[in-house]
Amino acid sequence: MYKKIKVLGKVQGVFFRKSTQDKAKELGLKGWVRNESDGSVMTIIQGEEDQLKLMEDWLKVGPSKSQVSELMVLEEGYNLKFDSFEIKHE
């Protein structure tokens, strides 16, 4: 299963992508994370449903210097396959 999530708030310039990658690896998730031009962070996370829920809960808070104002689940499904969790730099 996977989820595509957009995170809004003060989420760029606060190590959000690296912290997301670290948390995803800790939970055994795969996918990617990247900064968006509108100041948000986009991520696709793939894993078991309980792991995805833990990651989603973490994304609502983020690392200590971030200030998450909104979390939007844009897409869910079963058809994507990733080998690792990467930070995309566009």
PDB file of N, CA and C in Angstrom:
ATOM      1  N   MET A   1       0.842  -1.179   0.000  1.00  0.00           N
ATOM      2  CA  MET A   1       0.000   0.000   0.000  1.00  0.00           C
ATOM      3  C   MET A   1       0.893   1.250   0.000  1.00  0.00           C
ATOM      4  N   TYR A   2       0.380   2.341  -0.587  1.00  0.00           N
ATOM      5  CA  TYR A   2       1.128   3.588  -0.568  1.00  0.00           C
ATOM      6  C   TYR A   2       0.183   4.763  -0.332  1.00  0.00           C
ATOM      7  N   LYS A   3       0.776   5.880   0.099  1.00  0.00           N
ATOM      8  CA  LYS A   3       0.059   7.144   0.248  1.00  0.00           C
ATOM      9  C   LYS A   3       0.927   8.260  -0.300  1.00  0.00           C
ATOM     10  N   LYS A   4       0.293   9.164  -1.040  1.00  0.00           N
ATOM     11  CA  LYS A   4       0.944  10.389  -1.504  1.00  0.00           C
ATOM     12  C   LYS A   4       0.432  11.505  -0.612  1.00  0.00           C
ATOM     13  N   ILE A   5       1.354  12.170   0.098  1.00  0.00           N
ATOM     14  CA  ILE A   5       0.977  13.141   1.122  1.00  0.00           C
ATOM     15  C   ILE A   5       1.677  14.473   0.871  1.00  0.00           C
ATOM     16  N   LYS A   6       0.909  15.542   0.977  1.00  0.00           N
ATOM     17  CA  LYS A   6       1.448  16.902   0.891  1.00  0.00           C
ATOM     18  C   LYS A   6       1.433  17.490   2.294  1.00  0.00           C
ATOM     19  N   VAL A   7       2.585  18.019   2.723  1.00  0.00           N
ATOM     20  CA  VAL A   7       2.729  18.595   4.063  1.00  0.00           C
ATOM     21  C   VAL A   7       2.922  20.097   3.906  1.00  0.00           C
ATOM     22  N   LEU A   8       2.060  20.865   4.564  1.00  0.00           N
ATOM     23  CA  LEU A   8       2.117  22.326   4.478  1.00  0.00           C
ATOM     24  C   LEU A   8       2.508  22.930   5.817  1.00  0.00           C
ATOM     25  N   GLY A   9       3.063  24.136   5.766  1.00  0.00           N
ATOM     26  CA  GLY A   9       3.507  24.848   6.963  1.00  0.00           C
ATOM     27  C   GLY A   9       4.959  25.247   6.801  1.00  0.00           C
ATOM     28  N   LYS A  10       5.647  25.413   7.916  1.00  0.00           N
ATOM     29  CA  LYS A  10       7.091  25.700   7.878  1.00  0.00           C
ATOM     30  C   LYS A  10       7.808  24.355   7.804  1.00  0.00           C
ATOM     31  N   VAL A  11       7.977  23.890   6.558  1.00  0.00           N
ATOM     32  CA  VAL A  11       8.508  22.539   6.350  1.00  0.00           C
ATOM     33  C   VAL A  11       9.710  22.505   5.413  1.00  0.00           C
ATOM     34  N   GLN A  12      10.169  23.666   4.955  1.00  0.00           N
ATOM     35  CA  GLN A  12      11.395  23.719   4.162  1.00  0.00           C
ATOM     36  C   GLN A  12      12.441  24.497   4.953  1.00  0.00           C
ATOM     37  N   GLY A  13      13.691  24.043   4.845  1.00  0.00           N
ATOM     38  CA  GLY A  13      14.781  24.696   5.567  1.00  0.00           C
ATOM     39  C   GLY A  13      14.867  24.295   7.024  1.00  0.00           C
ATOM     40  N   VAL A  14      14.192  23.193   7.381  1.00  0.00           N
ATOM     41  CA  VAL A  14      14.179  22.727   8.780  1.00  0.00           C
ATOM     42  C   VAL A  14      14.524  21.227   8.862  1.00  0.00           C
ATOM     43  N   PHE A  15      15.239  20.724   7.852  1.00  0.00           N
ATOM     44  CA  PHE A  15      15.643  19.313   7.777  1.00  0.00           C
ATOM     45  C   PHE A  15      14.454  18.364   7.690  1.00  0.00           C
ATOM     46  N   PHE A  16      13.340  18.841   7.104  1.00  0.00           N
ATOM     47  CA  PHE A  16      12.138  18.005   7.022  1.00  0.00           C
ATOM     48  C   PHE A  16      12.368  16.785   6.127  1.00  0.00           C
ATOM     49  N   ARG A  17      12.987  16.983   4.965  1.00  0.00           N
ATOM     50  CA  ARG A  17      13.192  15.848   4.054  1.00  0.00           C
ATOM     51  C   ARG A  17      14.111  14.800   4.666  1.00  0.00           C
ATOM     52  N   LYS A  18      15.225  15.220   5.235  1.00  0.00           N
ATOM     53  CA  LYS A  18      16.164  14.259   5.835  1.00  0.00           C
ATOM     54  C   LYS A  18      15.518  13.546   7.014  1.00  0.00           C
ATOM     55  N   SER A  19      14.797  14.278   7.842  1.00  0.00           N
ATOM     56  CA  SER A  19      14.119  13.663   8.985  1.00  0.00           C
ATOM     57  C   SER A  19      13.042  12.687   8.523  1.00  0.00           C
ATOM     58  N   THR A  20      12.349  13.029   7.429  1.00  0.00           N
ATOM     59  CA  THR A  20      11.338  12.134   6.871  1.00  0.00           C
ATOM     60  C   THR A  20      11.985  10.855   6.357  1.00  0.00           C
ATOM     61  N   GLN A  21      13.114  11.012   5.671  1.00  0.00           N
ATOM     62  CA  GLN A  21      13.835   9.840   5.185  1.00  0.00           C
ATOM     63  C   GLN A  21      14.290   8.954   6.349  1.00  0.00           C
ATOM     64  N   ASP A  22      14.838   9.551   7.389  1.00  0.00           N
ATOM     65  CA  ASP A  22      15.299   8.787   8.553  1.00  0.00           C
ATOM     66  C   ASP A  22      14.143   8.035   9.206  1.00  0.00           C
ATOM     67  N   LYS A  23      12.997   8.715   9.383  1.00  0.00           N
ATOM     68  CA  LYS A  23      11.832   8.085  10.013  1.00  0.00           C
ATOM     69  C   LYS A  23      11.288   6.965   9.135  1.00  0.00           C
ATOM     70  N   ALA A  24      11.239   7.197   7.834  1.00  0.00           N
ATOM     71  CA  ALA A  24      10.748   6.163   6.912  1.00  0.00           C
ATOM     72  C   ALA A  24      11.624   4.914   6.977  1.00  0.00           C
ATOM     73  N   LYS A  25      12.936   5.117   6.996  1.00  0.00           N
ATOM     74  CA  LYS A  25      13.847   3.972   7.084  1.00  0.00           C
ATOM     75  C   LYS A  25      13.674   3.249   8.416  1.00  0.00           C
ATOM     76  N   GLU A  26      13.494   3.999   9.485  1.00  0.00           N
ATOM     77  CA  GLU A  26      13.273   3.411  10.809  1.00  0.00           C
ATOM     78  C   GLU A  26      12.019   2.527  10.808  1.00  0.00           C
ATOM     79  N   LEU A  27      10.989   2.967  10.092  1.00  0.00           N
ATOM     80  CA  LEU A  27       9.723   2.221  10.043  1.00  0.00           C
ATOM     81  C   LEU A  27       9.699   1.159   8.940  1.00  0.00           C
ATOM     82  N   GLY A  28      10.760   1.088   8.137  1.00  0.00           N
ATOM     83  CA  GLY A  28      10.818   0.099   7.064  1.00  0.00           C
ATOM     84  C   GLY A  28       9.992   0.480   5.842  1.00  0.00           C
ATOM     85  N   LEU A  29       9.789   1.780   5.632  1.00  0.00           N
ATOM     86  CA  LEU A  29       8.998   2.259   4.505  1.00  0.00           C
ATOM     87  C   LEU A  29       9.883   2.575   3.308  1.00  0.00           C
ATOM     88  N   LYS A  30       9.289   2.602   2.147  1.00  0.00           N
ATOM     89  CA  LYS A  30       9.984   2.945   0.913  1.00  0.00           C
ATOM     90  C   LYS A  30       9.240   4.098   0.260  1.00  0.00           C
ATOM     91  N   GLY A  31       9.894   4.771  -0.710  1.00  0.00           N
ATOM     92  CA  GLY A  31       9.259   5.869  -1.419  1.00  0.00           C
ATOM     93  C   GLY A  31      10.210   7.019  -1.623  1.00  0.00           C
ATOM     94  N   TRP A  32       9.682   8.241  -1.544  1.00  0.00           N
ATOM     95  CA  TRP A  32      10.503   9.434  -1.728  1.00  0.00           C
ATOM     96  C   TRP A  32       9.874  10.646  -1.057  1.00  0.00           C
ATOM     97  N   VAL A  33      10.691  11.711  -0.930  1.00  0.00           N
ATOM     98  CA  VAL A  33      10.248  12.989  -0.377  1.00  0.00           C
ATOM     99  C   VAL A  33      10.949  14.098  -1.145  1.00  0.00           C
ATOM    100  N   ARG A  34      10.244  15.224  -1.383  1.00  0.00           N
ATOM    101  CA  ARG A  34      10.863  16.356  -2.081  1.00  0.00           C
ATOM    102  C   ARG A  34      10.198  17.661  -1.669  1.00  0.00           C
ATOM    103  N   ASN A  35      10.949  18.760  -1.815  1.00  0.00           N
ATOM    104  CA  ASN A  35      10.396  20.098  -1.634  1.00  0.00           C
ATOM    105  C   ASN A  35       9.595  20.475  -2.872  1.00  0.00           C
ATOM    106  N   GLU A  36       8.516  21.214  -2.672  1.00  0.00           N
ATOM    107  CA  GLU A  36       7.698  21.713  -3.768  1.00  0.00           C
ATOM    108  C   GLU A  36       7.908  23.222  -3.899  1.00  0.00           C
ATOM    109  N   SER A  37       7.650  23.763  -5.074  1.00  0.00           N
ATOM    110  CA  SER A  37       7.872  25.184  -5.331  1.00  0.00           C
ATOM    111  C   SER A  37       6.945  26.081  -4.510  1.00  0.00           C
ATOM    112  N   ASP A  38       5.839  25.550  -4.012  1.00  0.00           N
ATOM    113  CA  ASP A  38       4.899  26.347  -3.208  1.00  0.00           C
ATOM    114  C   ASP A  38       5.265  26.384  -1.725  1.00  0.00           C
ATOM    115  N   GLY A  39       6.423  25.806  -1.352  1.00  0.00           N
ATOM    116  CA  GLY A  39       6.872  25.809   0.040  1.00  0.00           C
ATOM    117  C   GLY A  39       6.456  24.585   0.829  1.00  0.00           C
ATOM    118  N   SER A  40       5.707  23.690   0.213  1.00  0.00           N
ATOM    119  CA  SER A  40       5.277  22.462   0.878  1.00  0.00           C
ATOM    120  C   SER A  40       6.308  21.356   0.646  1.00  0.00           C
ATOM    121  N   VAL A  41       6.063  20.215   1.264  1.00  0.00           N
ATOM    122  CA  VAL A  41       6.855  19.011   1.041  1.00  0.00           C
ATOM    123  C   VAL A  41       5.899  17.928   0.561  1.00  0.00           C
ATOM    124  N   MET A  42       6.301  17.211  -0.487  1.00  0.00           N
ATOM    125  CA  MET A  42       5.515  16.103  -1.018  1.00  0.00           C
ATOM    126  C   MET A  42       6.254  14.810  -0.728  1.00  0.00           C
ATOM    127  N   THR A  43       5.487  13.776  -0.356  1.00  0.00           N
ATOM    128  CA  THR A  43       6.098  12.479  -0.126  1.00  0.00           C
ATOM    129  C   THR A  43       5.179  11.371  -0.599  1.00  0.00           C
ATOM    130  N   ILE A  44       5.771  10.314  -1.092  1.00  0.00           N
ATOM    131  CA  ILE A  44       5.044   9.065  -1.334  1.00  0.00           C
ATOM    132  C   ILE A  44       5.687   8.030  -0.435  1.00  0.00           C
ATOM    133  N   ILE A  45       4.871   7.411   0.386  1.00  0.00           N
ATOM    134  CA  ILE A  45       5.367   6.392   1.307  1.00  0.00           C
ATOM    135  C   ILE A  45       4.673   5.070   0.992  1.00  0.00           C
ATOM    136  N   GLN A  46       5.458   3.998   0.988  1.00  0.00           N
ATOM    137  CA  GLN A  46       4.937   2.676   0.675  1.00  0.00           C
ATOM    138  C   GLN A  46       5.305   1.718   1.797  1.00  0.00           C
ATOM    139  N   GLY A  47       4.330   0.934   2.229  1.00  0.00           N
ATOM    140  CA  GLY A  47       4.578  -0.051   3.266  1.00  0.00           C
ATOM    141  C   GLY A  47       3.280  -0.655   3.750  1.00  0.00           C
ATOM    142  N   GLU A  48       3.355  -1.308   4.896  1.00  0.00           N
ATOM    143  CA  GLU A  48       2.168  -1.908   5.507  1.00  0.00           C
ATOM    144  C   GLU A  48       1.301  -0.813   6.119  1.00  0.00           C
ATOM    145  N   GLU A  49       0.018  -1.084   6.228  1.00  0.00           N
ATOM    146  CA  GLU A  49      -0.932  -0.078   6.692  1.00  0.00           C
ATOM    147  C   GLU A  49      -0.588   0.495   8.067  1.00  0.00           C
ATOM    148  N   ASP A  50      -0.162  -0.358   8.995  1.00  0.00           N
ATOM    149  CA  ASP A  50       0.166   0.141  10.341  1.00  0.00           C
ATOM    150  C   ASP A  50       1.413   1.031  10.314  1.00  0.00           C
ATOM    151  N   GLN A  51       2.389   0.704   9.460  1.00  0.00           N
ATOM    152  CA  GLN A  51       3.582   1.541   9.308  1.00  0.00           C
ATOM    153  C   GLN A  51       3.217   2.889   8.690  1.00  0.00           C
ATOM    154  N   LEU A  52       2.322   2.860   7.691  1.00  0.00           N
ATOM    155  CA  LEU A  52       1.884   4.104   7.045  1.00  0.00           C
ATOM    156  C   LEU A  52       1.185   5.012   8.037  1.00  0.00           C
ATOM    157  N   LYS A  53       0.394   4.438   8.914  1.00  0.00           N
ATOM    158  CA  LYS A  53      -0.318   5.221   9.929  1.00  0.00           C
ATOM    159  C   LYS A  53       0.683   5.884  10.881  1.00  0.00           C
ATOM    160  N   LEU A  54       1.697   5.153  11.316  1.00  0.00           N
ATOM    161  CA  LEU A  54       2.726   5.718  12.191  1.00  0.00           C
ATOM    162  C   LEU A  54       3.462   6.861  11.492  1.00  0.00           C
ATOM    163  N   MET A  55       3.763   6.684  10.212  1.00  0.00           N
ATOM    164  CA  MET A  55       4.462   7.728   9.458  1.00  0.00           C
ATOM    165  C   MET A  55       3.567   8.940   9.284  1.00  0.00           C
ATOM    166  N   GLU A  56       2.303   8.720   8.976  1.00  0.00           N
ATOM    167  CA  GLU A  56       1.362   9.825   8.814  1.00  0.00           C
ATOM    168  C   GLU A  56       1.249  10.622  10.118  1.00  0.00           C
ATOM    169  N   ASP A  57       1.176   9.931  11.235  1.00  0.00           N
ATOM    170  CA  ASP A  57       1.132  10.609  12.539  1.00  0.00           C
ATOM    171  C   ASP A  57       2.395  11.435  12.766  1.00  0.00           C
ATOM    172  N   TRP A  58       3.557  10.884  12.388  1.00  0.00           N
ATOM    173  CA  TRP A  58       4.815  11.615  12.544  1.00  0.00           C
ATOM    174  C   TRP A  58       4.839  12.843  11.637  1.00  0.00           C
ATOM    175  N   LEU A  59       4.366  12.708  10.395  1.00  0.00           N
ATOM    176  CA  LEU A  59       4.353  13.824   9.448  1.00  0.00           C
ATOM    177  C   LEU A  59       3.489  14.983   9.942  1.00  0.00           C
ATOM    178  N   LYS A  60       2.481  14.706  10.735  1.00  0.00           N
ATOM    179  CA  LYS A  60       1.616  15.763  11.269  1.00  0.00           C
ATOM    180  C   LYS A  60       2.383  16.694  12.206  1.00  0.00           C
ATOM    181  N   VAL A  61       3.490  16.204  12.744  1.00  0.00           N
ATOM    182  CA  VAL A  61       4.320  16.973  13.677  1.00  0.00           C
ATOM    183  C   VAL A  61       5.648  17.353  13.025  1.00  0.00           C
ATOM    184  N   GLY A  62       6.313  16.382  12.403  1.00  0.00           N
ATOM    185  CA  GLY A  62       7.592  16.610  11.748  1.00  0.00           C
ATOM    186  C   GLY A  62       8.725  16.782  12.730  1.00  0.00           C
ATOM    187  N   PRO A  63       9.900  17.168  12.220  1.00  0.00           N
ATOM    188  CA  PRO A  63      11.051  17.384  13.100  1.00  0.00           C
ATOM    189  C   PRO A  63      10.842  18.615  13.979  1.00  0.00           C
ATOM    190  N   SER A  64      11.687  18.766  14.978  1.00  0.00           N
ATOM    191  CA  SER A  64      11.473  19.781  16.023  1.00  0.00           C
ATOM    192  C   SER A  64      11.387  21.219  15.516  1.00  0.00           C
ATOM    193  N   LYS A  65      12.108  21.580  14.456  1.00  0.00           N
ATOM    194  CA  LYS A  65      12.106  22.963  13.984  1.00  0.00           C
ATOM    195  C   LYS A  65      10.976  23.264  12.991  1.00  0.00           C
ATOM    196  N   SER A  66      10.227  22.237  12.593  1.00  0.00           N
ATOM    197  CA  SER A  66       9.139  22.451  11.636  1.00  0.00           C
ATOM    198  C   SER A  66       7.860  22.879  12.361  1.00  0.00           C
ATOM    199  N   GLN A  67       6.943  23.423  11.576  1.00  0.00           N
ATOM    200  CA  GLN A  67       5.614  23.788  12.074  1.00  0.00           C
ATOM    201  C   GLN A  67       4.609  23.354  11.017  1.00  0.00           C
ATOM    202  N   VAL A  68       4.073  22.156  11.170  1.00  0.00           N
ATOM    203  CA  VAL A  68       3.128  21.611  10.202  1.00  0.00           C
ATOM    204  C   VAL A  68       1.757  22.229  10.447  1.00  0.00           C
ATOM    205  N   SER A  69       1.187  22.817   9.397  1.00  0.00           N
ATOM    206  CA  SER A  69      -0.146  23.418   9.518  1.00  0.00           C
ATOM    207  C   SER A  69      -1.231  22.525   8.924  1.00  0.00           C
ATOM    208  N   GLU A  70      -0.860  21.689   7.955  1.00  0.00           N
ATOM    209  CA  GLU A  70      -1.855  20.829   7.317  1.00  0.00           C
ATOM    210  C   GLU A  70      -1.178  19.647   6.644  1.00  0.00           C
ATOM    211  N   LEU A  71      -1.870  18.523   6.670  1.00  0.00           N
ATOM    212  CA  LEU A  71      -1.418  17.303   6.008  1.00  0.00           C
ATOM    213  C   LEU A  71      -2.532  16.874   5.070  1.00  0.00           C
ATOM    214  N   MET A  72      -2.223  16.733   3.796  1.00  0.00           N
ATOM    215  CA  MET A  72      -3.226  16.353   2.809  1.00  0.00           C
ATOM    216  C   MET A  72      -2.848  15.022   2.174  1.00  0.00           C
ATOM    217  N   VAL A  73      -3.683  13.991   2.373  1.00  0.00           N
ATOM    218  CA  VAL A  73      -3.480  12.722   1.682  1.00  0.00           C
ATOM    219  C   VAL A  73      -4.118  12.877   0.305  1.00  0.00           C
ATOM    220  N   LEU A  74      -3.286  12.910  -0.728  1.00  0.00           N
ATOM    221  CA  LEU A  74      -3.750  13.183  -2.086  1.00  0.00           C
ATOM    222  C   LEU A  74      -4.117  11.918  -2.852  1.00  0.00           C
ATOM    223  N   GLU A  75      -3.525  10.810  -2.465  1.00  0.00           N
ATOM    224  CA  GLU A  75      -3.722   9.585  -3.241  1.00  0.00           C
ATOM    225  C   GLU A  75      -3.350   8.392  -2.369  1.00  0.00           C
ATOM    226  N   GLU A  76      -4.070   7.293  -2.563  1.00  0.00           N
ATOM    227  CA  GLU A  76      -3.753   6.040  -1.891  1.00  0.00           C
ATOM    228  C   GLU A  76      -3.909   4.923  -2.903  1.00  0.00           C
ATOM    229  N   GLY A  77      -3.196   3.842  -2.709  1.00  0.00           N
ATOM    230  CA  GLY A  77      -3.352   2.730  -3.628  1.00  0.00           C
ATOM    231  C   GLY A  77      -2.382   1.607  -3.365  1.00  0.00           C
ATOM    232  N   TYR A  78      -2.297   0.710  -4.337  1.00  0.00           N
ATOM    233  CA  TYR A  78      -1.484  -0.496  -4.194  1.00  0.00           C
ATOM    234  C   TYR A  78      -0.538  -0.735  -5.353  1.00  0.00           C
ATOM    235  N   ASN A  79      -0.469   0.149  -6.345  1.00  0.00           N
ATOM    236  CA  ASN A  79       0.218  -0.169  -7.587  1.00  0.00           C
ATOM    237  C   ASN A  79       1.647   0.331  -7.712  1.00  0.00           C
ATOM    238  N   LEU A  80       2.193   0.997  -6.721  1.00  0.00           N
ATOM    239  CA  LEU A  80       3.562   1.500  -6.828  1.00  0.00           C
ATOM    240  C   LEU A  80       4.535   0.579  -6.111  1.00  0.00           C
ATOM    241  N   LYS A  81       5.791   0.569  -6.588  1.00  0.00           N
ATOM    242  CA  LYS A  81       6.816  -0.279  -5.981  1.00  0.00           C
ATOM    243  C   LYS A  81       8.130   0.489  -5.952  1.00  0.00           C
ATOM    244  N   PHE A  82       8.699   0.646  -4.767  1.00  0.00           N
ATOM    245  CA  PHE A  82       9.983   1.325  -4.586  1.00  0.00           C
ATOM    246  C   PHE A  82      10.977   0.376  -3.927  1.00  0.00           C
ATOM    247  N   ASP A  83      12.265   0.625  -4.161  1.00  0.00           N
ATOM    248  CA  ASP A  83      13.315  -0.213  -3.582  1.00  0.00           C
ATOM    249  C   ASP A  83      13.917   0.379  -2.318  1.00  0.00           C
ATOM    250  N   SER A  84      13.726   1.694  -2.116  1.00  0.00           N
ATOM    251  CA  SER A  84      14.335   2.379  -0.975  1.00  0.00           C
ATOM    252  C   SER A  84      13.531   3.645  -0.698  1.00  0.00           C
ATOM    253  N   PHE A  85      14.016   4.480   0.215  1.00  0.00           N
ATOM    254  CA  PHE A  85      13.374   5.768   0.471  1.00  0.00           C
ATOM    255  C   PHE A  85      14.393   6.855   0.157  1.00  0.00           C
ATOM    256  N   GLU A  86      14.090   7.671  -0.842  1.00  0.00           N
ATOM    257  CA  GLU A  86      15.025   8.653  -1.358  1.00  0.00           C
ATOM    258  C   GLU A  86      14.558  10.080  -1.149  1.00  0.00           C
ATOM    259  N   ILE A  87      15.514  10.997  -1.091  1.00  0.00           N
ATOM    260  CA  ILE A  87      15.227  12.430  -1.146  1.00  0.00           C
ATOM    261  C   ILE A  87      15.390  12.860  -2.596  1.00  0.00           C
ATOM    262  N   LYS A  88      14.327  13.397  -3.175  1.00  0.00           N
ATOM    263  CA  LYS A  88      14.395  13.880  -4.564  1.00  0.00           C
ATOM    264  C   LYS A  88      14.799  15.356  -4.550  1.00  0.00           C
ATOM    265  N   HIS A  89      15.673  15.698  -5.485  1.00  0.00           N
ATOM    266  CA  HIS A  89      16.142  17.076  -5.599  1.00  0.00           C
ATOM    267  C   HIS A  89      15.680  17.727  -6.892  1.00  0.00           C
ATOM    268  N   GLU A  90      14.752  17.115  -7.583  1.00  0.00           N
ATOM    269  CA  GLU A  90      14.136  17.564  -8.843  1.00  0.00           C
ATOM    270  C   GLU A  90      15.104  17.590  -9.955  1.00  0.00           C
TER     271      GLU A  90
END
